[in-house]
N, C-alpha and C. Protein backbone atom coordinates (compact mmCIF):
# COMPACT_ATOMS: atom_id res chain seq x y z
N MET A 1 32.31 2.04 -46.95
CA MET A 1 31.60 3.07 -46.38
C MET A 1 32.53 3.19 -45.00
N THR A 2 33.02 4.35 -44.54
CA THR A 2 33.94 4.48 -43.39
C THR A 2 32.75 4.25 -42.13
N ASP A 3 33.70 4.09 -40.93
CA ASP A 3 33.01 4.01 -39.80
C ASP A 3 32.22 5.20 -39.45
N GLU A 4 32.71 6.42 -39.67
CA GLU A 4 31.90 7.65 -39.39
C GLU A 4 30.44 7.65 -40.22
N LYS A 5 30.83 7.20 -41.39
CA LYS A 5 29.40 7.28 -42.12
C LYS A 5 28.50 6.26 -41.72
N LYS A 6 29.08 5.24 -41.27
CA LYS A 6 28.12 4.11 -40.86
C LYS A 6 27.19 4.63 -39.60
N ALA A 7 27.91 5.51 -38.74
CA ALA A 7 27.39 5.92 -37.58
C ALA A 7 26.27 6.84 -37.78
N VAL A 8 26.43 7.68 -39.03
CA VAL A 8 25.38 8.65 -39.40
C VAL A 8 24.20 8.09 -40.03
N VAL A 9 24.40 7.01 -40.77
CA VAL A 9 23.12 6.41 -41.41
C VAL A 9 22.16 5.93 -40.41
N ARG A 10 20.90 6.28 -40.54
CA ARG A 10 19.91 5.79 -39.69
C ARG A 10 19.04 5.04 -40.42
N ARG A 11 18.79 3.73 -39.82
CA ARG A 11 17.63 2.99 -40.33
C ARG A 11 16.47 3.04 -39.61
N LYS A 12 15.38 2.61 -40.09
CA LYS A 12 14.11 2.60 -39.18
C LYS A 12 14.29 1.41 -38.46
N HIS A 13 13.84 1.23 -37.05
CA HIS A 13 13.85 0.13 -36.29
C HIS A 13 12.54 -0.48 -36.09
N GLN A 14 12.43 -1.70 -36.60
CA GLN A 14 11.10 -2.41 -36.51
C GLN A 14 11.25 -3.78 -35.98
N LEU A 15 10.30 -4.31 -35.27
CA LEU A 15 10.26 -5.69 -34.82
C LEU A 15 8.95 -6.39 -35.41
N SER A 16 9.08 -7.60 -35.80
CA SER A 16 7.81 -8.28 -36.25
C SER A 16 8.01 -9.75 -35.50
N LEU A 17 7.12 -10.23 -34.60
CA LEU A 17 7.20 -11.36 -33.96
C LEU A 17 6.00 -12.12 -34.36
N ARG A 18 6.13 -13.34 -34.95
CA ARG A 18 4.80 -14.27 -35.45
C ARG A 18 4.98 -15.45 -34.44
N ASN A 19 3.78 -15.46 -33.71
CA ASN A 19 3.50 -16.71 -33.01
C ASN A 19 4.59 -17.08 -32.12
N ARG A 20 5.40 -16.20 -31.57
CA ARG A 20 6.54 -16.17 -30.72
C ARG A 20 7.61 -17.20 -31.34
N GLU A 21 7.40 -17.48 -32.59
CA GLU A 21 8.47 -18.40 -33.12
C GLU A 21 9.32 -17.97 -34.29
N ALA A 22 8.81 -16.76 -34.72
CA ALA A 22 9.72 -16.11 -35.81
C ALA A 22 9.75 -14.57 -35.54
N LEU A 23 11.08 -14.15 -35.47
CA LEU A 23 11.20 -12.77 -35.11
C LEU A 23 12.15 -12.08 -36.30
N GLN A 24 11.73 -10.91 -36.80
CA GLN A 24 12.08 -10.18 -37.97
C GLN A 24 12.67 -8.94 -37.26
N VAL A 25 13.86 -8.47 -37.37
CA VAL A 25 14.24 -7.20 -36.76
C VAL A 25 14.93 -6.41 -37.79
N GLU A 26 14.48 -5.04 -37.99
CA GLU A 26 15.27 -4.22 -38.91
C GLU A 26 15.76 -3.15 -38.00
N GLY A 27 16.94 -2.55 -38.38
CA GLY A 27 17.77 -1.43 -37.93
C GLY A 27 18.74 -2.14 -37.04
N VAL A 28 19.25 -3.25 -37.52
CA VAL A 28 20.45 -4.05 -36.85
C VAL A 28 21.70 -3.32 -37.05
N VAL A 29 22.49 -3.05 -36.33
CA VAL A 29 23.91 -2.38 -36.59
C VAL A 29 24.87 -3.55 -36.35
N ASN A 30 24.80 -4.61 -35.40
CA ASN A 30 25.72 -5.51 -35.10
C ASN A 30 25.07 -6.72 -34.11
N VAL A 31 25.58 -7.88 -34.32
CA VAL A 31 25.06 -8.98 -33.39
C VAL A 31 26.35 -8.99 -32.42
N GLU A 32 26.04 -8.83 -31.21
CA GLU A 32 27.08 -8.90 -30.12
C GLU A 32 27.51 -10.23 -29.73
N SER A 33 26.41 -11.27 -29.34
CA SER A 33 26.63 -12.61 -29.09
C SER A 33 25.27 -13.27 -29.32
N PHE A 34 25.56 -14.65 -29.41
CA PHE A 34 24.31 -15.45 -29.63
C PHE A 34 24.59 -16.85 -29.21
N ASP A 35 23.48 -17.51 -28.66
CA ASP A 35 23.60 -18.96 -28.60
C ASP A 35 21.98 -19.34 -28.62
N ASN A 36 21.71 -20.71 -28.21
CA ASN A 36 20.38 -21.09 -28.37
C ASN A 36 19.29 -20.55 -27.52
N GLN A 37 19.79 -19.86 -26.35
CA GLN A 37 18.97 -19.18 -25.47
C GLN A 37 18.99 -17.77 -25.53
N GLU A 38 20.06 -17.17 -25.88
CA GLU A 38 19.98 -15.65 -26.01
C GLU A 38 20.69 -15.07 -27.25
N VAL A 39 20.22 -14.02 -27.80
CA VAL A 39 20.93 -13.26 -28.88
C VAL A 39 20.90 -11.84 -28.44
N VAL A 40 21.94 -11.29 -28.38
CA VAL A 40 22.30 -9.78 -28.12
C VAL A 40 22.54 -9.11 -29.33
N VAL A 41 21.72 -8.04 -29.72
CA VAL A 41 21.78 -7.34 -30.88
C VAL A 41 21.74 -5.89 -30.74
N GLU A 42 22.80 -5.29 -31.16
CA GLU A 42 22.89 -3.61 -31.20
C GLU A 42 22.09 -3.22 -32.29
N THR A 43 21.00 -2.33 -31.85
CA THR A 43 20.24 -1.79 -32.89
C THR A 43 20.24 -0.17 -32.87
N ASP A 44 19.52 0.55 -33.82
CA ASP A 44 19.47 1.74 -33.88
C ASP A 44 18.84 2.38 -32.43
N ALA A 45 17.92 1.45 -31.86
CA ALA A 45 17.15 1.80 -30.80
C ALA A 45 17.78 1.42 -29.40
N GLY A 46 18.97 1.04 -29.49
CA GLY A 46 19.66 0.47 -28.33
C GLY A 46 19.98 -1.06 -28.40
N THR A 47 20.56 -1.49 -27.46
CA THR A 47 20.78 -3.05 -27.24
C THR A 47 19.51 -3.83 -27.08
N LEU A 48 19.29 -4.85 -27.81
CA LEU A 48 18.09 -5.62 -27.72
C LEU A 48 18.63 -6.97 -27.53
N PHE A 49 18.03 -7.51 -26.25
CA PHE A 49 18.18 -8.84 -25.69
C PHE A 49 17.02 -9.80 -26.06
N VAL A 50 17.15 -10.83 -26.83
CA VAL A 50 16.12 -11.76 -27.23
C VAL A 50 16.44 -13.05 -26.55
N ARG A 51 15.48 -13.42 -25.66
CA ARG A 51 15.68 -14.64 -24.76
C ARG A 51 14.70 -15.69 -25.15
N GLY A 52 15.09 -16.89 -25.25
CA GLY A 52 14.19 -18.03 -25.50
C GLY A 52 14.75 -19.41 -25.68
N GLU A 53 14.15 -20.23 -26.36
CA GLU A 53 14.71 -21.51 -26.51
C GLU A 53 14.93 -21.92 -27.97
N ASP A 54 15.99 -22.77 -28.30
CA ASP A 54 16.24 -23.08 -29.63
C ASP A 54 16.36 -21.93 -30.49
N LEU A 55 17.09 -20.83 -30.15
CA LEU A 55 17.00 -19.66 -31.00
C LEU A 55 18.05 -19.86 -32.05
N HIS A 56 17.80 -19.49 -33.36
CA HIS A 56 18.64 -19.71 -34.57
C HIS A 56 18.72 -18.36 -35.46
N ILE A 57 19.68 -18.00 -35.91
CA ILE A 57 19.73 -16.97 -36.62
C ILE A 57 19.72 -17.55 -38.18
N LYS A 58 18.37 -17.18 -38.75
CA LYS A 58 18.29 -17.62 -40.22
C LYS A 58 18.65 -16.59 -41.21
N GLU A 59 18.78 -15.17 -40.88
CA GLU A 59 19.08 -14.30 -41.89
C GLU A 59 19.86 -13.21 -40.98
N LEU A 60 20.93 -12.60 -41.60
CA LEU A 60 21.71 -11.61 -41.12
C LEU A 60 22.44 -10.87 -42.25
N ASN A 61 22.03 -9.53 -42.30
CA ASN A 61 22.45 -8.85 -43.37
C ASN A 61 22.65 -7.31 -42.71
N LEU A 62 23.96 -7.05 -42.29
CA LEU A 62 24.16 -5.92 -41.69
C LEU A 62 24.25 -4.54 -42.63
N GLU A 63 24.36 -4.68 -43.93
CA GLU A 63 24.32 -3.86 -44.93
C GLU A 63 22.79 -3.06 -44.91
N THR A 64 21.87 -3.95 -44.79
CA THR A 64 20.57 -3.49 -44.80
C THR A 64 19.82 -3.51 -43.39
N GLY A 65 20.57 -3.97 -42.44
CA GLY A 65 20.18 -3.84 -41.01
C GLY A 65 19.16 -4.92 -40.68
N ALA A 66 19.05 -6.13 -41.53
CA ALA A 66 18.13 -7.13 -41.25
C ALA A 66 18.41 -8.32 -40.61
N LEU A 67 17.79 -8.79 -39.58
CA LEU A 67 17.97 -10.11 -39.00
C LEU A 67 16.75 -10.82 -38.87
N GLY A 68 16.84 -12.17 -39.09
CA GLY A 68 15.77 -13.05 -38.91
C GLY A 68 16.20 -14.14 -37.94
N LEU A 69 15.30 -14.46 -36.87
CA LEU A 69 15.45 -15.59 -35.94
C LEU A 69 14.28 -16.49 -35.90
N THR A 70 14.50 -17.68 -35.62
CA THR A 70 13.51 -18.74 -35.32
C THR A 70 13.84 -19.24 -33.98
N GLY A 71 12.75 -19.86 -33.52
CA GLY A 71 12.98 -20.47 -32.12
C GLY A 71 11.49 -20.00 -31.31
N PHE A 72 11.62 -20.35 -30.03
CA PHE A 72 10.48 -19.90 -29.15
C PHE A 72 10.96 -18.92 -28.31
N VAL A 73 10.54 -17.64 -28.53
CA VAL A 73 10.90 -16.41 -27.85
C VAL A 73 10.18 -16.27 -26.53
N HIS A 74 10.81 -16.17 -25.39
CA HIS A 74 10.30 -15.91 -24.18
C HIS A 74 10.29 -14.42 -23.80
N GLY A 75 11.28 -13.61 -24.25
CA GLY A 75 11.08 -12.19 -24.05
C GLY A 75 11.99 -11.30 -24.83
N LEU A 76 11.80 -10.01 -24.88
CA LEU A 76 12.56 -9.06 -25.54
C LEU A 76 12.87 -8.06 -24.72
N GLU A 77 13.93 -7.38 -24.54
CA GLU A 77 14.46 -6.36 -23.64
C GLU A 77 15.38 -5.53 -24.29
N TYR A 78 15.27 -4.04 -24.04
CA TYR A 78 16.17 -3.16 -24.43
C TYR A 78 16.97 -2.71 -23.26
N ALA A 79 18.08 -2.27 -23.60
CA ALA A 79 19.02 -1.59 -22.73
C ALA A 79 19.88 -0.62 -23.33
N GLY A 80 20.24 0.47 -22.69
CA GLY A 80 21.12 1.46 -23.33
C GLY A 80 20.37 2.42 -24.05
N ASP A 81 21.14 3.36 -24.54
CA ASP A 81 20.66 4.41 -25.41
C ASP A 81 20.65 4.08 -26.87
N SER A 82 19.77 4.60 -27.60
CA SER A 82 19.77 4.59 -29.00
C SER A 82 20.86 5.10 -29.72
N VAL A 83 21.10 4.60 -30.87
CA VAL A 83 22.40 5.24 -31.74
C VAL A 83 22.11 6.75 -31.94
N ALA A 84 20.79 7.09 -32.06
CA ALA A 84 20.57 8.58 -32.19
C ALA A 84 20.89 9.27 -31.13
N LYS A 85 20.69 8.78 -29.82
CA LYS A 85 20.97 9.86 -28.69
C LYS A 85 22.60 9.56 -28.47
N LYS A 86 23.21 8.47 -28.95
CA LYS A 86 24.73 8.34 -28.60
C LYS A 86 25.40 9.25 -29.71
N SER A 87 24.81 9.57 -30.73
CA SER A 87 25.45 10.33 -31.72
C SER A 87 25.26 11.94 -31.58
N LYS A 88 24.62 12.43 -30.39
CA LYS A 88 24.76 13.99 -30.24
C LYS A 88 25.97 14.52 -30.15
N GLY A 89 25.95 15.66 -30.87
CA GLY A 89 27.22 16.41 -30.87
C GLY A 89 27.55 17.08 -29.45
N LEU A 90 28.75 17.79 -29.50
CA LEU A 90 29.20 18.44 -28.42
C LEU A 90 28.03 19.43 -27.72
N LEU A 91 27.55 20.20 -28.64
CA LEU A 91 26.55 21.20 -28.02
C LEU A 91 25.13 20.56 -27.53
N GLY A 92 24.81 19.44 -28.10
CA GLY A 92 23.68 18.66 -27.58
C GLY A 92 24.04 18.05 -26.34
N ARG A 93 25.27 17.79 -26.02
CA ARG A 93 25.60 17.19 -24.67
C ARG A 93 25.68 18.37 -23.76
N LEU A 94 26.19 19.46 -24.07
CA LEU A 94 26.27 20.60 -23.18
C LEU A 94 24.87 21.13 -22.76
N PHE A 95 23.97 21.11 -23.68
CA PHE A 95 22.56 21.78 -23.31
C PHE A 95 21.72 20.85 -23.12
N LYS A 96 21.82 19.85 -22.29
CA LYS A 96 20.77 18.88 -21.99
C LYS A 96 19.54 19.54 -21.43
């Protein structure tokens, strides 16, 4: 699949956090960076920052957009625009 087609494919974005220890994320486009205290994930809804302790990536499948993390989650934060907003055409940007 070309990069252009990947940008057009939209997945549903969903988070599931259990007991602040197991996080499942759908709609993942890319993992920007990770260590045991922070994971930075590009999603269809914007950049997601996951902060915590002893964070480990247990599952990552960019084809399906699935990410599984374990560890103790302190916080979740979004930054930036969603992929849907970024993919507006020329006319969409002109007529805001």
